[in-house]
Protein backbone atom coordinates (compact mmCIF):
# COMPACT_ATOMS: atom_id res chain seq x y z
CA MET A 1 159.68 102.04 101.94
CA THR A 2 162.69 102.90 99.87
CA PHE A 3 164.35 106.27 100.28
CA ILE A 4 167.51 107.90 98.95
CA VAL A 5 169.48 108.79 102.10
CA ASN A 6 172.66 110.80 101.64
CA GLY A 7 172.82 109.61 98.05
CA GLU A 8 172.32 105.89 98.80
CA GLU A 9 169.15 103.85 98.36
CA GLN A 10 167.87 102.54 101.70
CA ALA A 11 164.87 100.32 102.47
CA VAL A 12 163.56 101.42 105.87
CA GLN A 13 160.22 101.04 107.62
CA ALA A 14 159.50 104.66 108.51
CA LYS A 15 156.46 106.90 108.19
CA THR A 16 158.00 110.12 109.47
CA LEU A 17 161.39 111.74 109.32
CA ALA A 18 161.80 111.12 113.06
CA ASP A 19 161.08 107.40 112.50
CA LEU A 20 163.73 107.28 109.79
CA LEU A 21 166.35 108.96 111.96
CA HIS A 22 165.62 106.52 114.77
CA ALA A 23 165.75 103.49 112.44
CA LEU A 24 169.11 104.62 111.04
CA GLU A 25 170.42 105.35 114.56
CA TYR A 26 170.93 109.08 114.07
CA GLU A 27 170.69 110.90 117.38
CA GLY A 28 171.53 114.27 118.78
CA GLU A 29 170.42 117.85 118.82
CA TRP A 30 172.88 118.94 116.14
CA LEU A 31 171.51 117.10 113.12
CA ALA A 32 170.45 119.01 110.03
CA THR A 33 167.85 117.35 107.80
CA ALA A 34 166.43 118.06 104.38
CA VAL A 35 163.85 116.20 102.31
CA ASN A 36 163.82 116.76 98.55
CA GLY A 37 165.93 119.88 99.04
CA GLU A 38 163.69 121.41 101.73
CA LEU A 39 165.17 122.01 105.17
CA ILE A 40 163.13 120.27 107.86
CA HIS A 41 163.46 121.78 111.33
CA ARG A 42 163.98 119.53 114.34
CA GLU A 43 160.57 120.35 115.82
CA ASP A 44 158.83 119.26 112.59
CA ARG A 45 160.49 115.84 112.21
CA GLN A 46 157.89 113.97 114.33
CA THR A 47 155.07 114.96 111.99
CA TYR A 48 156.89 115.22 108.64
CA ALA A 49 155.43 112.36 106.57
CA LEU A 50 157.78 110.63 104.14
CA ASN A 51 156.92 109.25 100.71
CA PRO A 52 158.64 106.46 98.78
CA ARG A 53 161.74 107.62 96.90
CA ASP A 54 162.08 110.84 98.90
CA ARG A 55 165.63 112.20 98.82
CA ILE A 56 166.80 112.75 102.38
CA GLU A 57 169.98 114.45 103.46
CA ILE A 58 171.18 114.03 107.05
CA LEU A 59 174.13 116.08 108.19
CA SER A 60 175.85 115.75 111.53
CA PRO A 61 178.80 117.75 112.81
CA MET A 62 182.23 116.18 112.69
CA GLN A 63 184.99 116.81 115.17
CA GLY A 64 188.58 117.23 114.23
CA GLY A 65 190.95 119.77 112.96
């Protein structure tokens, strides 16, 4: 399927948000995710079904000063 991930079109085989994160190699407890502007909590990612052309935002903390 094709999704818009952080503003860029991506073709990824994923049925759920958790599948997408795994396919794109996002890991960690500190990720924030939203689909079509709706915040998706970590515990809901395994069952959150994605649709073609969904707009997904993935935010991870950055270190630095």
